[in-house]
Amino acid sequence: MKLVWNWKRVLKHAWSIRLIVLAGVLSGAEIALPLVREVIDVPAGVFAGLSFAATAGAFIARLVAQESVSGASGGE
């Protein structure tokens, strides 16, 4: 396995990375929800559904050329 040459820039600017982190946070919130159910009344499955949406968005974002990350203009 070899990292891309601009991996620091990818971590900082890529939407796919941002959405994957969001999915991880939402998954953690779904796990923690039973612990705070008395304070926050959120139906079960809401964070899991949002996590799925963020993961799907990350999949799509990974396929889209982002000029701020790759320098690609989209016209290959």
PDB file of N, CA and C in Angstrom:
ATOM      1  N   MET A   1       0.852  -1.172   0.000  1.00  0.00           N
ATOM      2  CA  MET A   1       0.000   0.000   0.000  1.00  0.00           C
ATOM      3  C   MET A   1       0.898   1.235   0.000  1.00  0.00           C
ATOM      4  N   LYS A   2       0.519   2.198  -0.820  1.00  0.00           N
ATOM      5  CA  LYS A   2       1.302   3.428  -0.936  1.00  0.00           C
ATOM      6  C   LYS A   2       0.346   4.611  -0.848  1.00  0.00           C
ATOM      7  N   LEU A   3       0.693   5.583  -0.013  1.00  0.00           N
ATOM      8  CA  LEU A   3      -0.131   6.787   0.118  1.00  0.00           C
ATOM      9  C   LEU A   3      -0.013   7.659  -1.121  1.00  0.00           C
ATOM     10  N   VAL A   4      -1.059   8.416  -1.413  1.00  0.00           N
ATOM     11  CA  VAL A   4      -0.979   9.384  -2.503  1.00  0.00           C
ATOM     12  C   VAL A   4       0.017  10.470  -2.109  1.00  0.00           C
ATOM     13  N   TRP A   5       0.625  11.091  -3.075  1.00  0.00           N
ATOM     14  CA  TRP A   5       1.689  12.049  -2.797  1.00  0.00           C
ATOM     15  C   TRP A   5       1.204  13.246  -1.983  1.00  0.00           C
ATOM     16  N   ASN A   6      -0.064  13.623  -2.112  1.00  0.00           N
ATOM     17  CA  ASN A   6      -0.595  14.791  -1.405  1.00  0.00           C
ATOM     18  C   ASN A   6      -1.572  14.382  -0.299  1.00  0.00           C
ATOM     19  N   TRP A   7      -1.235  13.340   0.452  1.00  0.00           N
ATOM     20  CA  TRP A   7      -2.146  12.784   1.443  1.00  0.00           C
ATOM     21  C   TRP A   7      -2.542  13.791   2.512  1.00  0.00           C
ATOM     22  N   LYS A   8      -1.650  14.702   2.881  1.00  0.00           N
ATOM     23  CA  LYS A   8      -1.993  15.713   3.893  1.00  0.00           C
ATOM     24  C   LYS A   8      -3.080  16.644   3.364  1.00  0.00           C
ATOM     25  N   ARG A   9      -2.964  17.018   2.108  1.00  0.00           N
ATOM     26  CA  ARG A   9      -3.966  17.882   1.493  1.00  0.00           C
ATOM     27  C   ARG A   9      -5.309  17.157   1.372  1.00  0.00           C
ATOM     28  N   VAL A  10      -5.254  15.870   1.035  1.00  0.00           N
ATOM     29  CA  VAL A  10      -6.471  15.071   0.925  1.00  0.00           C
ATOM     30  C   VAL A  10      -7.174  15.011   2.282  1.00  0.00           C
ATOM     31  N   LEU A  11      -6.423  14.740   3.340  1.00  0.00           N
ATOM     32  CA  LEU A  11      -7.021  14.690   4.677  1.00  0.00           C
ATOM     33  C   LEU A  11      -7.667  16.015   5.064  1.00  0.00           C
ATOM     34  N   LYS A  12      -7.062  17.100   4.642  1.00  0.00           N
ATOM     35  CA  LYS A  12      -7.539  18.425   5.035  1.00  0.00           C
ATOM     36  C   LYS A  12      -8.720  18.917   4.208  1.00  0.00           C
ATOM     37  N   HIS A  13      -8.789  18.552   2.936  1.00  0.00           N
ATOM     38  CA  HIS A  13      -9.756  19.173   2.033  1.00  0.00           C
ATOM     39  C   HIS A  13     -10.800  18.234   1.411  1.00  0.00           C
ATOM     40  N   ALA A  14     -10.563  16.932   1.405  1.00  0.00           N
ATOM     41  CA  ALA A  14     -11.453  16.019   0.675  1.00  0.00           C
ATOM     42  C   ALA A  14     -12.789  15.851   1.385  1.00  0.00           C
ATOM     43  N   TRP A  15     -13.865  16.015   0.648  1.00  0.00           N
ATOM     44  CA  TRP A  15     -15.210  15.843   1.203  1.00  0.00           C
ATOM     45  C   TRP A  15     -15.458  14.406   1.613  1.00  0.00           C
ATOM     46  N   SER A  16     -14.871  13.455   0.913  1.00  0.00           N
ATOM     47  CA  SER A  16     -15.070  12.057   1.289  1.00  0.00           C
ATOM     48  C   SER A  16     -14.537  11.797   2.699  1.00  0.00           C
ATOM     49  N   ILE A  17     -13.403  12.366   3.033  1.00  0.00           N
ATOM     50  CA  ILE A  17     -12.833  12.210   4.375  1.00  0.00           C
ATOM     51  C   ILE A  17     -13.739  12.877   5.406  1.00  0.00           C
ATOM     52  N   ARG A  18     -14.204  14.070   5.126  1.00  0.00           N
ATOM     53  CA  ARG A  18     -15.091  14.781   6.051  1.00  0.00           C
ATOM     54  C   ARG A  18     -16.365  13.986   6.323  1.00  0.00           C
ATOM     55  N   LEU A  19     -16.922  13.397   5.280  1.00  0.00           N
ATOM     56  CA  LEU A  19     -18.157  12.629   5.433  1.00  0.00           C
ATOM     57  C   LEU A  19     -17.918  11.313   6.165  1.00  0.00           C
ATOM     58  N   ILE A  20     -16.757  10.700   5.966  1.00  0.00           N
ATOM     59  CA  ILE A  20     -16.427   9.482   6.702  1.00  0.00           C
ATOM     60  C   ILE A  20     -16.280   9.788   8.193  1.00  0.00           C
ATOM     61  N   VAL A  21     -15.642  10.904   8.517  1.00  0.00           N
ATOM     62  CA  VAL A  21     -15.525  11.309   9.923  1.00  0.00           C
ATOM     63  C   VAL A  21     -16.911  11.574  10.509  1.00  0.00           C
ATOM     64  N   LEU A  22     -17.765  12.253   9.765  1.00  0.00           N
ATOM     65  CA  LEU A  22     -19.136  12.503  10.221  1.00  0.00           C
ATOM     66  C   LEU A  22     -19.878  11.193  10.466  1.00  0.00           C
ATOM     67  N   ALA A  23     -19.714  10.224   9.566  1.00  0.00           N
ATOM     68  CA  ALA A  23     -20.361   8.920   9.740  1.00  0.00           C
ATOM     69  C   ALA A  23     -19.865   8.246  11.014  1.00  0.00           C
ATOM     70  N   GLY A  24     -18.589   8.372  11.299  1.00  0.00           N
ATOM     71  CA  GLY A  24     -18.040   7.800  12.526  1.00  0.00           C
ATOM     72  C   GLY A  24     -18.609   8.457  13.771  1.00  0.00           C
ATOM     73  N   VAL A  25     -18.741   9.775  13.744  1.00  0.00           N
ATOM     74  CA  VAL A  25     -19.324  10.503  14.876  1.00  0.00           C
ATOM     75  C   VAL A  25     -20.781  10.091  15.071  1.00  0.00           C
ATOM     76  N   LEU A  26     -21.527   9.994  13.990  1.00  0.00           N
ATOM     77  CA  LEU A  26     -22.931   9.596  14.085  1.00  0.00           C
ATOM     78  C   LEU A  26     -23.084   8.154  14.578  1.00  0.00           C
ATOM     79  N   SER A  27     -22.186   7.276  14.161  1.00  0.00           N
ATOM     80  CA  SER A  27     -22.215   5.901  14.654  1.00  0.00           C
ATOM     81  C   SER A  27     -21.943   5.869  16.155  1.00  0.00           C
ATOM     82  N   GLY A  28     -20.996   6.678  16.597  1.00  0.00           N
ATOM     83  CA  GLY A  28     -20.717   6.780  18.030  1.00  0.00           C
ATOM     84  C   GLY A  28     -21.900   7.331  18.790  1.00  0.00           C
ATOM     85  N   ALA A  29     -22.598   8.297  18.202  1.00  0.00           N
ATOM     86  CA  ALA A  29     -23.786   8.872  18.846  1.00  0.00           C
ATOM     87  C   ALA A  29     -24.885   7.822  18.976  1.00  0.00           C
ATOM     88  N   GLU A  30     -25.018   6.958  17.978  1.00  0.00           N
ATOM     89  CA  GLU A  30     -26.024   5.895  18.039  1.00  0.00           C
ATOM     90  C   GLU A  30     -25.705   4.925  19.177  1.00  0.00           C
ATOM     91  N   ILE A  31     -24.432   4.650  19.376  1.00  0.00           N
ATOM     92  CA  ILE A  31     -24.018   3.754  20.461  1.00  0.00           C
ATOM     93  C   ILE A  31     -24.238   4.415  21.818  1.00  0.00           C
ATOM     94  N   ALA A  32     -23.956   5.723  21.917  1.00  0.00           N
ATOM     95  CA  ALA A  32     -24.085   6.438  23.185  1.00  0.00           C
ATOM     96  C   ALA A  32     -25.524   6.831  23.506  1.00  0.00           C
ATOM     97  N   LEU A  33     -26.405   6.767  22.549  1.00  0.00           N
ATOM     98  CA  LEU A  33     -27.788   7.217  22.739  1.00  0.00           C
ATOM     99  C   LEU A  33     -28.487   6.583  23.941  1.00  0.00           C
ATOM    100  N   PRO A  34     -28.370   5.281  24.170  1.00  0.00           N
ATOM    101  CA  PRO A  34     -29.045   4.715  25.345  1.00  0.00           C
ATOM    102  C   PRO A  34     -28.551   5.311  26.668  1.00  0.00           C
ATOM    103  N   LEU A  35     -27.328   5.791  26.700  1.00  0.00           N
ATOM    104  CA  LEU A  35     -26.778   6.368  27.924  1.00  0.00           C
ATOM    105  C   LEU A  35     -27.353   7.746  28.236  1.00  0.00           C
ATOM    106  N   VAL A  36     -27.798   8.456  27.205  1.00  0.00           N
ATOM    107  CA  VAL A  36     -28.308   9.821  27.400  1.00  0.00           C
ATOM    108  C   VAL A  36     -29.780   9.942  26.999  1.00  0.00           C
ATOM    109  N   ARG A  37     -30.455   8.824  26.906  1.00  0.00           N
ATOM    110  CA  ARG A  37     -31.849   8.831  26.456  1.00  0.00           C
ATOM    111  C   ARG A  37     -32.733   9.714  27.341  1.00  0.00           C
ATOM    112  N   GLU A  38     -32.431   9.825  28.627  1.00  0.00           N
ATOM    113  CA  GLU A  38     -33.244  10.649  29.532  1.00  0.00           C
ATOM    114  C   GLU A  38     -33.073  12.143  29.239  1.00  0.00           C
ATOM    115  N   VAL A  39     -31.910  12.533  28.721  1.00  0.00           N
ATOM    116  CA  VAL A  39     -31.623  13.943  28.431  1.00  0.00           C
ATOM    117  C   VAL A  39     -32.054  14.314  27.022  1.00  0.00           C
ATOM    118  N   ILE A  40     -31.752  13.455  26.076  1.00  0.00           N
ATOM    119  CA  ILE A  40     -32.058  13.709  24.661  1.00  0.00           C
ATOM    120  C   ILE A  40     -33.017  12.617  24.175  1.00  0.00           C
ATOM    121  N   ASP A  41     -34.184  13.028  23.767  1.00  0.00           N
ATOM    122  CA  ASP A  41     -35.184  12.064  23.294  1.00  0.00           C
ATOM    123  C   ASP A  41     -35.137  11.972  21.769  1.00  0.00           C
ATOM    124  N   VAL A  42     -34.284  11.092  21.279  1.00  0.00           N
ATOM    125  CA  VAL A  42     -34.132  10.874  19.848  1.00  0.00           C
ATOM    126  C   VAL A  42     -34.537   9.435  19.558  1.00  0.00           C
ATOM    127  N   PRO A  43     -35.410   9.224  18.601  1.00  0.00           N
ATOM    128  CA  PRO A  43     -35.827   7.852  18.277  1.00  0.00           C
ATOM    129  C   PRO A  43     -34.646   6.976  17.855  1.00  0.00           C
ATOM    130  N   ALA A  44     -34.701   5.714  18.219  1.00  0.00           N
ATOM    131  CA  ALA A  44     -33.650   4.773  17.836  1.00  0.00           C
ATOM    132  C   ALA A  44     -33.565   4.690  16.315  1.00  0.00           C
ATOM    133  N   GLY A  45     -32.369   4.631  15.817  1.00  0.00           N
ATOM    134  CA  GLY A  45     -32.151   4.486  14.383  1.00  0.00           C
ATOM    135  C   GLY A  45     -31.912   5.787  13.634  1.00  0.00           C
ATOM    136  N   VAL A  46     -32.160   6.920  14.273  1.00  0.00           N
ATOM    137  CA  VAL A  46     -31.972   8.208  13.586  1.00  0.00           C
ATOM    138  C   VAL A  46     -30.503   8.417  13.242  1.00  0.00           C
ATOM    139  N   PHE A  47     -29.625   8.229  14.246  1.00  0.00           N
ATOM    140  CA  PHE A  47     -28.201   8.430  13.980  1.00  0.00           C
ATOM    141  C   PHE A  47     -27.658   7.375  13.026  1.00  0.00           C
ATOM    142  N   ALA A  48     -28.181   6.158  13.108  1.00  0.00           N
ATOM    143  CA  ALA A  48     -27.752   5.107  12.177  1.00  0.00           C
ATOM    144  C   ALA A  48     -28.148   5.479  10.743  1.00  0.00           C
ATOM    145  N   GLY A  49     -29.339   6.019  10.563  1.00  0.00           N
ATOM    146  CA  GLY A  49     -29.778   6.453   9.236  1.00  0.00           C
ATOM    147  C   GLY A  49     -28.946   7.603   8.709  1.00  0.00           C
ATOM    148  N   LEU A  50     -28.638   8.555   9.589  1.00  0.00           N
ATOM    149  CA  LEU A  50     -27.790   9.679   9.184  1.00  0.00           C
ATOM    150  C   LEU A  50     -26.374   9.210   8.862  1.00  0.00           C
ATOM    151  N   SER A  51     -25.885   8.237   9.623  1.00  0.00           N
ATOM    152  CA  SER A  51     -24.570   7.667   9.356  1.00  0.00           C
ATOM    153  C   SER A  51     -24.545   6.995   7.988  1.00  0.00           C
ATOM    154  N   PHE A  52     -25.614   6.270   7.659  1.00  0.00           N
ATOM    155  CA  PHE A  52     -25.711   5.647   6.340  1.00  0.00           C
ATOM    156  C   PHE A  52     -25.675   6.714   5.238  1.00  0.00           C
ATOM    157  N   ALA A  53     -26.421   7.801   5.439  1.00  0.00           N
ATOM    158  CA  ALA A  53     -26.454   8.876   4.439  1.00  0.00           C
ATOM    159  C   ALA A  53     -25.073   9.510   4.272  1.00  0.00           C
ATOM    160  N   ALA A  54     -24.360   9.710   5.380  1.00  0.00           N
ATOM    161  CA  ALA A  54     -23.017  10.282   5.304  1.00  0.00           C
ATOM    162  C   ALA A  54     -22.063   9.341   4.592  1.00  0.00           C
ATOM    163  N   THR A  55     -22.179   8.044   4.843  1.00  0.00           N
ATOM    164  CA  THR A  55     -21.328   7.061   4.169  1.00  0.00           C
ATOM    165  C   THR A  55     -21.620   7.021   2.675  1.00  0.00           C
ATOM    166  N   ALA A  56     -22.891   7.070   2.308  1.00  0.00           N
ATOM    167  CA  ALA A  56     -23.262   7.104   0.890  1.00  0.00           C
ATOM    168  C   ALA A  56     -22.726   8.377   0.227  1.00  0.00           C
ATOM    169  N   GLY A  57     -22.812   9.493   0.941  1.00  0.00           N
ATOM    170  CA  GLY A  57     -22.266  10.745   0.428  1.00  0.00           C
ATOM    171  C   GLY A  57     -20.758  10.674   0.246  1.00  0.00           C
ATOM    172  N   ALA A  58     -20.070  10.006   1.176  1.00  0.00           N
ATOM    173  CA  ALA A  58     -18.614   9.845   1.065  1.00  0.00           C
ATOM    174  C   ALA A  58     -18.260   9.011  -0.162  1.00  0.00           C
ATOM    175  N   PHE A  59     -19.061   7.984  -0.421  1.00  0.00           N
ATOM    176  CA  PHE A  59     -18.837   7.147  -1.604  1.00  0.00           C
ATOM    177  C   PHE A  59     -18.939   7.988  -2.874  1.00  0.00           C
ATOM    178  N   ILE A  60     -19.965   8.802  -2.953  1.00  0.00           N
ATOM    179  CA  ILE A  60     -20.157   9.670  -4.122  1.00  0.00           C
ATOM    180  C   ILE A  60     -19.054  10.711  -4.210  1.00  0.00           C
ATOM    181  N   ALA A  61     -18.727  11.325  -3.060  1.00  0.00           N
ATOM    182  CA  ALA A  61     -17.687  12.370  -3.046  1.00  0.00           C
ATOM    183  C   ALA A  61     -16.335  11.819  -3.471  1.00  0.00           C
ATOM    184  N   ARG A  62     -16.094  10.549  -3.192  1.00  0.00           N
ATOM    185  CA  ARG A  62     -14.820   9.941  -3.563  1.00  0.00           C
ATOM    186  C   ARG A  62     -14.665   9.850  -5.078  1.00  0.00           C
ATOM    187  N   LEU A  63     -15.772   9.785  -5.784  1.00  0.00           N
ATOM    188  CA  LEU A  63     -15.733   9.651  -7.241  1.00  0.00           C
ATOM    189  C   LEU A  63     -15.706  10.994  -7.969  1.00  0.00           C
ATOM    190  N   VAL A  64     -15.998  12.079  -7.260  1.00  0.00           N
ATOM    191  CA  VAL A  64     -16.059  13.409  -7.862  1.00  0.00           C
ATOM    192  C   VAL A  64     -14.688  14.077  -7.767  1.00  0.00           C
ATOM    193  N   ALA A  65     -14.200  14.608  -8.878  1.00  0.00           N
ATOM    194  CA  ALA A  65     -12.922  15.324  -8.871  1.00  0.00           C
ATOM    195  C   ALA A  65     -13.068  16.626  -8.103  1.00  0.00           C
ATOM    196  N   GLN A  66     -12.173  16.841  -7.155  1.00  0.00           N
ATOM    197  CA  GLN A  66     -12.183  18.061  -6.359  1.00  0.00           C
ATOM    198  C   GLN A  66     -10.892  18.823  -6.657  1.00  0.00           C
ATOM    199  N   GLU A  67     -11.027  19.944  -7.314  1.00  0.00           N
ATOM    200  CA  GLU A  67      -9.857  20.699  -7.749  1.00  0.00           C
ATOM    201  C   GLU A  67      -8.979  21.106  -6.579  1.00  0.00           C
ATOM    202  N   SER A  68      -9.586  21.396  -5.419  1.00  0.00           N
ATOM    203  CA  SER A  68      -8.793  21.818  -4.262  1.00  0.00           C
ATOM    204  C   SER A  68      -7.914  20.693  -3.720  1.00  0.00           C
ATOM    205  N   VAL A  69      -8.227  19.457  -4.100  1.00  0.00           N
ATOM    206  CA  VAL A  69      -7.450  18.310  -3.618  1.00  0.00           C
ATOM    207  C   VAL A  69      -6.514  17.786  -4.690  1.00  0.00           C
ATOM    208  N   SER A  70      -7.051  17.513  -5.871  1.00  0.00           N
ATOM    209  CA  SER A  70      -6.268  16.842  -6.896  1.00  0.00           C
ATOM    210  C   SER A  70      -5.731  17.773  -7.986  1.00  0.00           C
ATOM    211  N   GLY A  71      -6.258  18.976  -8.034  1.00  0.00           N
ATOM    212  CA  GLY A  71      -5.869  19.875  -9.104  1.00  0.00           C
ATOM    213  C   GLY A  71      -6.573  19.558 -10.399  1.00  0.00           C
ATOM    214  N   ALA A  72      -7.490  18.603 -10.367  1.00  0.00           N
ATOM    215  CA  ALA A  72      -8.222  18.186 -11.567  1.00  0.00           C
ATOM    216  C   ALA A  72      -9.310  19.203 -11.885  1.00  0.00           C
ATOM    217  N   SER A  73      -9.463  19.477 -13.145  1.00  0.00           N
ATOM    218  CA  SER A  73     -10.495  20.414 -13.565  1.00  0.00           C
ATOM    219  C   SER A  73     -11.782  19.704 -13.936  1.00  0.00           C
ATOM    220  N   GLY A  74     -11.767  18.383 -13.908  1.00  0.00           N
ATOM    221  CA  GLY A  74     -12.964  17.621 -14.224  1.00  0.00           C
ATOM    222  C   GLY A  74     -13.083  17.229 -15.679  1.00  0.00           C
ATOM    223  N   GLY A  75     -12.271  17.800 -16.552  1.00  0.00           N
ATOM    224  CA  GLY A  75     -12.360  17.485 -17.980  1.00  0.00           C
ATOM    225  C   GLY A  75     -11.287  16.525 -18.405  1.00  0.00           C
ATOM    226  N   GLU A  76     -11.458  15.237 -18.104  1.00  0.00           N
ATOM    227  CA  GLU A  76     -10.419  14.264 -18.449  1.00  0.00           C
ATOM    228  C   GLU A  76     -10.556  13.803 -19.860  1.00  0.00           C
TER     229      GLU A  76
END
